[in-house]
Amino acid sequence: IGHATWVWRLGGKLVAFDPIWSRSIGGVVPRLTAPGVKLDALPALDVVCITHDHRDHLDLPTLRRLGAAPLYVVPLGNAPRVARVVRDARVVELDWWQTHHEGDLAITLVPARHWSMREPWSRNATLWGGYVVRGPEGVAYHAGDTATGDHFAEIGARVGAIDWAMMPIGGYDPRWFMDAQHVDPDEAAAGFLALGARHLLAMHWGTFRLTDEAMGEPPERLRAWWAERGLPDERLWILDAGEARRL
C-alpha cells in the first residue's frame, strides 16, 4: 500500500500491518505517493497489527475509517489509543514474545530497537515491536521501525524459518541522529540475513519525506548491496505501491 502498510491474505483472513491511508501524517507531513489500493476498494479487514504508536504507523483517522470490524493487535499500552477512535473495538495487547491465536493464524509480537511517543509526556509509555504471523501459507515477519541489533538473529533462532521478511529501508539520514532508531538499506539487508528469511520485502520508503536521503535512494542502495553479494534476485521484492504477489 505504501510506507509500512501491507495487506496480506493469510489463513483465509485479510491482515493489515500499520495501516495509514491518510493524505498526511498528523496533518503535517504530506503523502507524496498515493496508497497503492484505495481503502474502499479492499474487502473488509479481519486483523490489523500495529507495531507502535508513532503517527506514521498508528494513524487514528485510518482506524476511524476501519471501525470495529477487524481485530486490532497492538503492543502493551496501546489499546486505549485504538478505543479512543474506534467504538466497541476488539483489541488484543501483546508483550514481546506473546502470541495470539486467531483462527489458523498465530500472531507473535517480537522485539525491535525503537521507542514510542505520542505526546511530549508519553515517551516510552507504551511498547513497540515487530510481528511474526504464522499461517498455513507460511511465516511473515514485519519489522516495524527498528535500528540494527542482535534481535534479528534472536528472532530467527526462536521462530525458525521465515518466508517473507518486511524490512524498513528508508528514514535513515543523517546517521548520527537516525542510527539508534532506523536501519539503513545495508543494515536492513544484513538483518534479513541474520533472520535467515527466504525473501526480503522492502518497505518504509517512497511515501513520506521524513528524513534527508533522496526519495529514490533506499531501493538503489539495497539493490547495489544485494548485487555486490551475488544474492538471487528472486529473493528481493521491491514492490511498487499497489503491486501484489501471490504466495
C-alpha atoms as a PDB file:
ATOM      1  CA  ILE A   1       0.000   0.000   0.000  1.00  0.00           C
ATOM      2  CA  GLY A   2       2.910   2.322   0.849  1.00  0.00           C
ATOM      3  CA  HIS A   3       5.227   3.221   3.752  1.00  0.00           C
ATOM      4  CA  ALA A   4       4.919   0.352   6.296  1.00  0.00           C
ATOM      5  CA  THR A   5       1.351  -0.583   5.299  1.00  0.00           C
ATOM      6  CA  TRP A   6       0.825  -4.074   3.922  1.00  0.00           C
ATOM      7  CA  VAL A   7      -2.279  -6.162   3.338  1.00  0.00           C
ATOM      8  CA  TRP A   8      -1.879  -9.934   3.349  1.00  0.00           C
ATOM      9  CA  ARG A   9      -4.230 -12.834   2.741  1.00  0.00           C
ATOM     10  CA  LEU A  10      -3.162 -15.487   5.244  1.00  0.00           C
ATOM     11  CA  GLY A  11      -5.136 -18.355   6.704  1.00  0.00           C
ATOM     12  CA  GLY A  12      -8.272 -17.176   4.946  1.00  0.00           C
ATOM     13  CA  LYS A  13      -8.088 -13.785   6.684  1.00  0.00           C
ATOM     14  CA  LEU A  14      -7.189 -10.331   5.404  1.00  0.00           C
ATOM     15  CA  VAL A  15      -4.435  -8.946   7.642  1.00  0.00           C
ATOM     16  CA  ALA A  16      -3.167  -5.346   7.547  1.00  0.00           C
ATOM     17  CA  PHE A  17       0.025  -4.029   9.120  1.00  0.00           C
ATOM     18  CA  ASP A  18       0.393  -0.391  10.247  1.00  0.00           C
ATOM     19  CA  PRO A  19      -2.450   0.925   8.066  1.00  0.00           C
ATOM     20  CA  ILE A  20      -2.200   4.565   7.023  1.00  0.00           C
ATOM     21  CA  TRP A  21      -4.414   5.702   4.155  1.00  0.00           C
ATOM     22  CA  SER A  22      -4.371   9.374   5.175  1.00  0.00           C
ATOM     23  CA  ARG A  23      -3.129  12.188   2.944  1.00  0.00           C
ATOM     24  CA  SER A  24      -0.650  13.291   5.586  1.00  0.00           C
ATOM     25  CA  ILE A  25       0.937  12.272   8.859  1.00  0.00           C
ATOM     26  CA  GLY A  26      -0.913  14.156  11.561  1.00  0.00           C
ATOM     27  CA  GLY A  27      -1.837  16.908   9.118  1.00  0.00           C
ATOM     28  CA  VAL A  28       1.828  17.953   8.948  1.00  0.00           C
ATOM     29  CA  VAL A  29       3.850  15.670   6.643  1.00  0.00           C
ATOM     30  CA  PRO A  30       2.154  15.296   3.234  1.00  0.00           C
ATOM     31  CA  ARG A  31       1.812  11.987   1.482  1.00  0.00           C
ATOM     32  CA  LEU A  32       3.822  12.053  -1.762  1.00  0.00           C
ATOM     33  CA  THR A  33       2.721   8.678  -3.162  1.00  0.00           C
ATOM     34  CA  ALA A  34      -0.956   7.717  -3.192  1.00  0.00           C
ATOM     35  CA  PRO A  35      -1.979   4.458  -1.497  1.00  0.00           C
ATOM     36  CA  GLY A  36      -1.492   1.558  -3.880  1.00  0.00           C
ATOM     37  CA  VAL A  37      -5.066   0.416  -3.297  1.00  0.00           C
ATOM     38  CA  LYS A  38      -7.888   2.643  -2.091  1.00  0.00           C
ATOM     39  CA  LEU A  39      -9.215   1.591   1.287  1.00  0.00           C
ATOM     40  CA  ASP A  40     -12.774   1.489  -0.035  1.00  0.00           C
ATOM     41  CA  ALA A  41     -11.661  -0.954  -2.750  1.00  0.00           C
ATOM     42  CA  LEU A  42     -10.461  -3.548  -0.247  1.00  0.00           C
ATOM     43  CA  PRO A  43     -12.612  -6.297   1.229  1.00  0.00           C
ATOM     44  CA  ALA A  44     -13.236  -5.924   4.947  1.00  0.00           C
ATOM     45  CA  LEU A  45     -10.098  -6.439   7.007  1.00  0.00           C
ATOM     46  CA  ASP A  46     -10.118  -9.213   9.593  1.00  0.00           C
ATOM     47  CA  VAL A  47      -6.984  -8.343  11.579  1.00  0.00           C
ATOM     48  CA  VAL A  48      -4.991  -5.119  11.983  1.00  0.00           C
ATOM     49  CA  CYS A  49      -1.498  -5.340  13.508  1.00  0.00           C
ATOM     50  CA  ILE A  50       0.041  -2.081  14.749  1.00  0.00           C
ATOM     51  CA  THR A  51       3.740  -2.025  15.622  1.00  0.00           C
ATOM     52  CA  HIS A  52       3.958   1.166  17.720  1.00  0.00           C
ATOM     53  CA  ASP A  53       2.305   4.485  18.437  1.00  0.00           C
ATOM     54  CA  HIS A  54       4.184   6.859  16.099  1.00  0.00           C
ATOM     55  CA  ARG A  55       1.788   8.696  13.834  1.00  0.00           C
ATOM     56  CA  ASP A  56       3.095   7.186  10.604  1.00  0.00           C
ATOM     57  CA  HIS A  57       2.282   3.713  11.960  1.00  0.00           C
ATOM     58  CA  LEU A  58      -0.717   4.225  14.248  1.00  0.00           C
ATOM     59  CA  ASP A  59      -2.902   6.546  12.158  1.00  0.00           C
ATOM     60  CA  LEU A  60      -6.083   7.352  14.054  1.00  0.00           C
ATOM     61  CA  PRO A  61      -8.039   8.725  11.042  1.00  0.00           C
ATOM     62  CA  THR A  62      -7.468   5.433   9.226  1.00  0.00           C
ATOM     63  CA  LEU A  63      -8.535   3.403  12.258  1.00  0.00           C
ATOM     64  CA  ARG A  64     -11.671   5.515  12.499  1.00  0.00           C
ATOM     65  CA  ARG A  65     -12.490   4.546   8.903  1.00  0.00           C
ATOM     66  CA  LEU A  66     -11.811   0.866   9.572  1.00  0.00           C
ATOM     67  CA  GLY A  67     -14.136   0.849  12.567  1.00  0.00           C
ATOM     68  CA  ALA A  68     -14.832  -2.101  14.832  1.00  0.00           C
ATOM     69  CA  ALA A  69     -14.949  -4.831  12.183  1.00  0.00           C
ATOM     70  CA  PRO A  70     -11.320  -6.016  12.439  1.00  0.00           C
ATOM     71  CA  LEU A  71      -9.496  -7.365  15.462  1.00  0.00           C
ATOM     72  CA  TYR A  72      -6.731  -4.957  16.486  1.00  0.00           C
ATOM     73  CA  VAL A  73      -3.452  -6.437  17.749  1.00  0.00           C
ATOM     74  CA  VAL A  74      -1.188  -3.897  19.465  1.00  0.00           C
ATOM     75  CA  PRO A  75       1.824  -3.783  21.804  1.00  0.00           C
ATOM     76  CA  LEU A  76       1.217  -3.257  25.520  1.00  0.00           C
ATOM     77  CA  GLY A  77      -0.371   0.052  26.431  1.00  0.00           C
ATOM     78  CA  ASN A  78      -1.788   0.911  23.007  1.00  0.00           C
ATOM     79  CA  ALA A  79      -5.350  -0.391  23.425  1.00  0.00           C
ATOM     80  CA  PRO A  80      -6.666   2.921  24.842  1.00  0.00           C
ATOM     81  CA  ARG A  81      -5.440   4.764  21.751  1.00  0.00           C
ATOM     82  CA  VAL A  82      -7.438   2.463  19.495  1.00  0.00           C
ATOM     83  CA  ALA A  83     -10.508   2.588  21.733  1.00  0.00           C
ATOM     84  CA  ARG A  84     -10.389   6.387  21.646  1.00  0.00           C
ATOM     85  CA  VAL A  85     -11.418   6.442  17.977  1.00  0.00           C
ATOM     86  CA  VAL A  86     -12.996   3.003  17.423  1.00  0.00           C
ATOM     87  CA  ARG A  87     -16.151   2.414  19.413  1.00  0.00           C
ATOM     88  CA  ASP A  88     -16.566  -1.192  20.601  1.00  0.00           C
ATOM     89  CA  ALA A  89     -13.115  -2.069  19.253  1.00  0.00           C
ATOM     90  CA  ARG A  90     -11.824  -5.577  19.872  1.00  0.00           C
ATOM     91  CA  VAL A  91      -8.197  -5.120  20.907  1.00  0.00           C
ATOM     92  CA  VAL A  92      -5.556  -7.633  21.968  1.00  0.00           C
ATOM     93  CA  GLU A  93      -2.426  -6.272  23.667  1.00  0.00           C
ATOM     94  CA  LEU A  94       0.780  -8.292  23.489  1.00  0.00           C
ATOM     95  CA  ASP A  95       4.137  -8.196  25.228  1.00  0.00           C
ATOM     96  CA  TRP A  96       7.274  -9.277  23.387  1.00  0.00           C
ATOM     97  CA  TRP A  97       7.112 -12.986  22.575  1.00  0.00           C
ATOM     98  CA  GLN A  98       3.441 -13.272  23.455  1.00  0.00           C
ATOM     99  CA  THR A  99       1.237 -14.955  20.850  1.00  0.00           C
ATOM    100  CA  HIS A 100      -2.426 -14.509  19.984  1.00  0.00           C
ATOM    101  CA  HIS A 101      -4.213 -17.216  18.005  1.00  0.00           C
ATOM    102  CA  GLU A 102      -6.882 -16.053  15.567  1.00  0.00           C
ATOM    103  CA  GLY A 103      -8.343 -18.875  13.511  1.00  0.00           C
ATOM    104  CA  ASP A 104      -5.457 -20.508  11.652  1.00  0.00           C
ATOM    105  CA  LEU A 105      -3.101 -17.620  12.436  1.00  0.00           C
ATOM    106  CA  ALA A 106      -0.556 -17.346  15.244  1.00  0.00           C
ATOM    107  CA  ILE A 107       0.407 -13.684  15.751  1.00  0.00           C
ATOM    108  CA  THR A 108       3.501 -13.017  17.872  1.00  0.00           C
ATOM    109  CA  LEU A 109       4.886  -9.644  18.936  1.00  0.00           C
ATOM    110  CA  VAL A 110       8.684  -9.685  18.658  1.00  0.00           C
ATOM    111  CA  PRO A 111      11.373  -7.212  19.771  1.00  0.00           C
ATOM    112  CA  ALA A 112      12.526  -4.152  17.847  1.00  0.00           C
ATOM    113  CA  ARG A 113      15.115  -1.484  18.694  1.00  0.00           C
ATOM    114  CA  HIS A 114      12.973   1.612  18.672  1.00  0.00           C
ATOM    115  CA  TRP A 115      10.894   3.781  21.025  1.00  0.00           C
ATOM    116  CA  SER A 116       7.409   5.185  21.420  1.00  0.00           C
ATOM    117  CA  MET A 117       5.918   8.625  21.981  1.00  0.00           C
ATOM    118  CA  ARG A 118       2.577  10.108  21.014  1.00  0.00           C
ATOM    119  CA  GLU A 119       2.690  13.225  23.170  1.00  0.00           C
ATOM    120  CA  PRO A 120       5.685  15.031  24.710  1.00  0.00           C
ATOM    121  CA  TRP A 121       4.900  13.476  28.098  1.00  0.00           C
ATOM    122  CA  SER A 122       4.418   9.891  26.870  1.00  0.00           C
ATOM    123  CA  ARG A 123       7.902   8.858  25.747  1.00  0.00           C
ATOM    124  CA  ASN A 124       8.246   5.070  26.017  1.00  0.00           C
ATOM    125  CA  ALA A 125       4.937   4.852  27.886  1.00  0.00           C
ATOM    126  CA  THR A 126       3.758   2.122  25.501  1.00  0.00           C
ATOM    127  CA  LEU A 127       5.555  -0.852  23.987  1.00  0.00           C
ATOM    128  CA  TRP A 128       6.730  -1.190  20.374  1.00  0.00           C
ATOM    129  CA  GLY A 129       7.856  -4.163  18.305  1.00  0.00           C
ATOM    130  CA  GLY A 130       7.514  -6.208  15.155  1.00  0.00           C
ATOM    131  CA  TYR A 131       5.266  -9.146  14.296  1.00  0.00           C
ATOM    132  CA  VAL A 132       5.640 -12.727  13.213  1.00  0.00           C
ATOM    133  CA  VAL A 133       2.447 -14.113  11.708  1.00  0.00           C
ATOM    134  CA  ARG A 134       2.345 -17.842  11.084  1.00  0.00           C
ATOM    135  CA  GLY A 135      -0.349 -19.199   8.769  1.00  0.00           C
ATOM    136  CA  PRO A 136      -0.973 -22.198   6.521  1.00  0.00           C
ATOM    137  CA  GLU A 137       0.790 -20.443   3.630  1.00  0.00           C
ATOM    138  CA  GLY A 138       3.968 -19.721   5.582  1.00  0.00           C
ATOM    139  CA  VAL A 139       5.519 -17.288   8.046  1.00  0.00           C
ATOM    140  CA  ALA A 140       5.607 -13.495   7.588  1.00  0.00           C
ATOM    141  CA  TYR A 141       7.687 -11.049   9.629  1.00  0.00           C
ATOM    142  CA  HIS A 142       7.062  -7.292   9.864  1.00  0.00           C
ATOM    143  CA  ALA A 143       9.984  -5.494  11.498  1.00  0.00           C
ATOM    144  CA  GLY A 144       8.120  -2.290  12.372  1.00  0.00           C
ATOM    145  CA  ASP A 145      10.566   0.563  12.928  1.00  0.00           C
ATOM    146  CA  THR A 146      13.920  -0.632  14.225  1.00  0.00           C
ATOM    147  CA  ALA A 147      17.611   0.060  14.470  1.00  0.00           C
ATOM    148  CA  THR A 148      20.066  -2.715  13.802  1.00  0.00           C
ATOM    149  CA  GLY A 149      20.834  -5.193  16.565  1.00  0.00           C
ATOM    150  CA  ASP A 150      21.136  -8.802  17.622  1.00  0.00           C
ATOM    151  CA  HIS A 151      17.347  -9.093  17.887  1.00  0.00           C
ATOM    152  CA  PHE A 152      17.231 -10.152  14.227  1.00  0.00           C
ATOM    153  CA  ALA A 153      19.314 -13.252  14.928  1.00  0.00           C
ATOM    154  CA  GLU A 154      17.308 -13.927  18.100  1.00  0.00           C
ATOM    155  CA  ILE A 155      14.024 -13.765  16.196  1.00  0.00           C
ATOM    156  CA  GLY A 156      15.343 -16.105  13.519  1.00  0.00           C
ATOM    157  CA  ALA A 157      16.595 -18.570  16.126  1.00  0.00           C
ATOM    158  CA  ARG A 158      13.388 -18.590  18.153  1.00  0.00           C
ATOM    159  CA  VAL A 159      10.877 -18.502  15.307  1.00  0.00           C
ATOM    160  CA  GLY A 160      12.574 -20.785  12.807  1.00  0.00           C
ATOM    161  CA  ALA A 161      12.053 -20.498   9.077  1.00  0.00           C
ATOM    162  CA  ILE A 162      10.628 -17.141   7.962  1.00  0.00           C
ATOM    163  CA  ASP A 163       9.317 -16.986   4.415  1.00  0.00           C
ATOM    164  CA  TRP A 164       8.753 -13.238   3.989  1.00  0.00           C
ATOM    165  CA  ALA A 165      10.537 -10.501   5.936  1.00  0.00           C
ATOM    166  CA  MET A 166       9.142  -6.967   5.583  1.00  0.00           C
ATOM    167  CA  MET A 167      12.164  -4.778   6.323  1.00  0.00           C
ATOM    168  CA  PRO A 168      12.291  -0.952   6.564  1.00  0.00           C
ATOM    169  CA  ILE A 169      14.882   0.580   4.249  1.00  0.00           C
ATOM    170  CA  GLY A 170      14.165   4.341   4.424  1.00  0.00           C
ATOM    171  CA  GLY A 171      14.272   7.092   7.034  1.00  0.00           C
ATOM    172  CA  TYR A 172      17.971   6.847   7.886  1.00  0.00           C
ATOM    173  CA  ASP A 173      19.777  10.141   7.180  1.00  0.00           C
ATOM    174  CA  PRO A 174      21.510  11.786   8.970  1.00  0.00           C
ATOM    175  CA  ARG A 175      23.033   8.678  10.543  1.00  0.00           C
ATOM    176  CA  TRP A 176      24.322  10.482  13.634  1.00  0.00           C
ATOM    177  CA  PHE A 177      20.686  11.028  14.596  1.00  0.00           C
ATOM    178  CA  MET A 178      18.810   8.120  12.998  1.00  0.00           C
ATOM    179  CA  ASP A 179      21.101   5.134  13.519  1.00  0.00           C
ATOM    180  CA  ALA A 180      19.708   4.475  17.004  1.00  0.00           C
ATOM    181  CA  GLN A 181      16.162   4.113  15.684  1.00  0.00           C
ATOM    182  CA  HIS A 182      16.107   3.238  11.941  1.00  0.00           C
ATOM    183  CA  VAL A 183      18.210   0.819   9.907  1.00  0.00           C
ATOM    184  CA  ASP A 184      19.652   1.985   6.599  1.00  0.00           C
ATOM    185  CA  PRO A 185      19.359  -0.251   3.496  1.00  0.00           C
ATOM    186  CA  ASP A 186      22.647  -2.061   4.192  1.00  0.00           C
ATOM    187  CA  GLU A 187      21.650  -2.770   7.793  1.00  0.00           C
ATOM    188  CA  ALA A 188      18.198  -3.904   6.712  1.00  0.00           C
ATOM    189  CA  ALA A 189      19.730  -6.422   4.319  1.00  0.00           C
ATOM    190  CA  ALA A 190      22.203  -7.631   6.938  1.00  0.00           C
ATOM    191  CA  GLY A 191      19.335  -8.004   9.401  1.00  0.00           C
ATOM    192  CA  PHE A 192      17.439 -10.024   6.831  1.00  0.00           C
ATOM    193  CA  LEU A 193      20.383 -12.409   6.504  1.00  0.00           C
ATOM    194  CA  ALA A 194      20.603 -12.682  10.304  1.00  0.00           C
ATOM    195  CA  LEU A 195      16.925 -13.630  10.368  1.00  0.00           C
ATOM    196  CA  GLY A 196      17.568 -16.411   7.873  1.00  0.00           C
ATOM    197  CA  ALA A 197      14.452 -15.453   5.913  1.00  0.00           C
ATOM    198  CA  ARG A 198      13.728 -16.536   2.339  1.00  0.00           C
ATOM    199  CA  HIS A 199      12.526 -13.232   0.852  1.00  0.00           C
ATOM    200  CA  LEU A 200      13.179  -9.588   1.734  1.00  0.00           C
ATOM    201  CA  LEU A 201      10.228  -7.237   1.155  1.00  0.00           C
ATOM    202  CA  ALA A 202      11.345  -3.603   1.230  1.00  0.00           C
ATOM    203  CA  MET A 203       9.158  -1.032   2.993  1.00  0.00           C
ATOM    204  CA  HIS A 204       9.218   2.373   4.724  1.00  0.00           C
ATOM    205  CA  TRP A 205      10.417   4.363   1.724  1.00  0.00           C
ATOM    206  CA  GLY A 206       8.982   6.485  -1.090  1.00  0.00           C
ATOM    207  CA  THR A 207       5.722   7.568   0.576  1.00  0.00           C
ATOM    208  CA  PHE A 208       6.568  10.344   3.044  1.00  0.00           C
ATOM    209  CA  ARG A 209       9.654  12.565   3.181  1.00  0.00           C
ATOM    210  CA  LEU A 210      10.693  12.036   6.797  1.00  0.00           C
ATOM    211  CA  THR A 211      14.495  12.314   6.646  1.00  0.00           C
ATOM    212  CA  ASP A 212      17.285  13.711   4.495  1.00  0.00           C
ATOM    213  CA  GLU A 213      18.004  10.947   1.966  1.00  0.00           C
ATOM    214  CA  ALA A 214      16.581  11.253  -1.553  1.00  0.00           C
ATOM    215  CA  MET A 215      13.222   9.521  -2.014  1.00  0.00           C
ATOM    216  CA  GLY A 216      14.597   7.019  -4.525  1.00  0.00           C
ATOM    217  CA  GLU A 217      17.889   6.313  -2.770  1.00  0.00           C
ATOM    218  CA  PRO A 218      16.847   3.452  -0.422  1.00  0.00           C
ATOM    219  CA  PRO A 219      15.945   0.868  -3.111  1.00  0.00           C
ATOM    220  CA  GLU A 220      19.005   1.831  -5.182  1.00  0.00           C
ATOM    221  CA  ARG A 221      21.301   1.212  -2.218  1.00  0.00           C
ATOM    222  CA  LEU A 222      19.554  -2.041  -1.387  1.00  0.00           C
ATOM    223  CA  ARG A 223      19.858  -3.354  -4.954  1.00  0.00           C
ATOM    224  CA  ALA A 224      23.554  -2.426  -5.021  1.00  0.00           C
ATOM    225  CA  TRP A 225      24.206  -4.203  -1.706  1.00  0.00           C
ATOM    226  CA  TRP A 226      22.326  -7.242  -2.970  1.00  0.00           C
ATOM    227  CA  ALA A 227      24.197  -7.387  -6.274  1.00  0.00           C
ATOM    228  CA  GLU A 228      27.613  -6.976  -4.634  1.00  0.00           C
ATOM    229  CA  ARG A 229      26.978 -10.153  -2.654  1.00  0.00           C
ATOM    230  CA  GLY A 230      25.553 -12.120  -5.559  1.00  0.00           C
ATOM    231  CA  LEU A 231      22.259 -12.873  -3.836  1.00  0.00           C
ATOM    232  CA  PRO A 232      19.440 -14.258  -6.027  1.00  0.00           C
ATOM    233  CA  ASP A 233      17.192 -11.554  -7.479  1.00  0.00           C
ATOM    234  CA  GLU A 234      14.068 -13.607  -6.791  1.00  0.00           C
ATOM    235  CA  ARG A 235      14.660 -13.301  -3.034  1.00  0.00           C
ATOM    236  CA  LEU A 236      14.443  -9.488  -3.141  1.00  0.00           C
ATOM    237  CA  TRP A 237      10.978  -7.957  -3.521  1.00  0.00           C
ATOM    238  CA  ILE A 238      10.939  -4.186  -4.014  1.00  0.00           C
ATOM    239  CA  LEU A 239       7.272  -3.663  -4.804  1.00  0.00           C
ATOM    240  CA  ASP A 240       5.648  -0.510  -6.095  1.00  0.00           C
ATOM    241  CA  ALA A 241       2.618   0.766  -4.183  1.00  0.00           C
ATOM    242  CA  GLY A 242      -0.313  -1.404  -5.222  1.00  0.00           C
ATOM    243  CA  GLU A 243       1.817  -4.234  -6.591  1.00  0.00           C
ATOM    244  CA  ALA A 244       0.815  -7.710  -5.401  1.00  0.00           C
ATOM    245  CA  ARG A 245       2.485 -11.114  -5.256  1.00  0.00           C
ATOM    246  CA  ARG A 246       0.814 -14.489  -4.991  1.00  0.00           C
ATOM    247  CA  LEU A 247       2.181 -16.513  -2.083  1.00  0.00           C
END
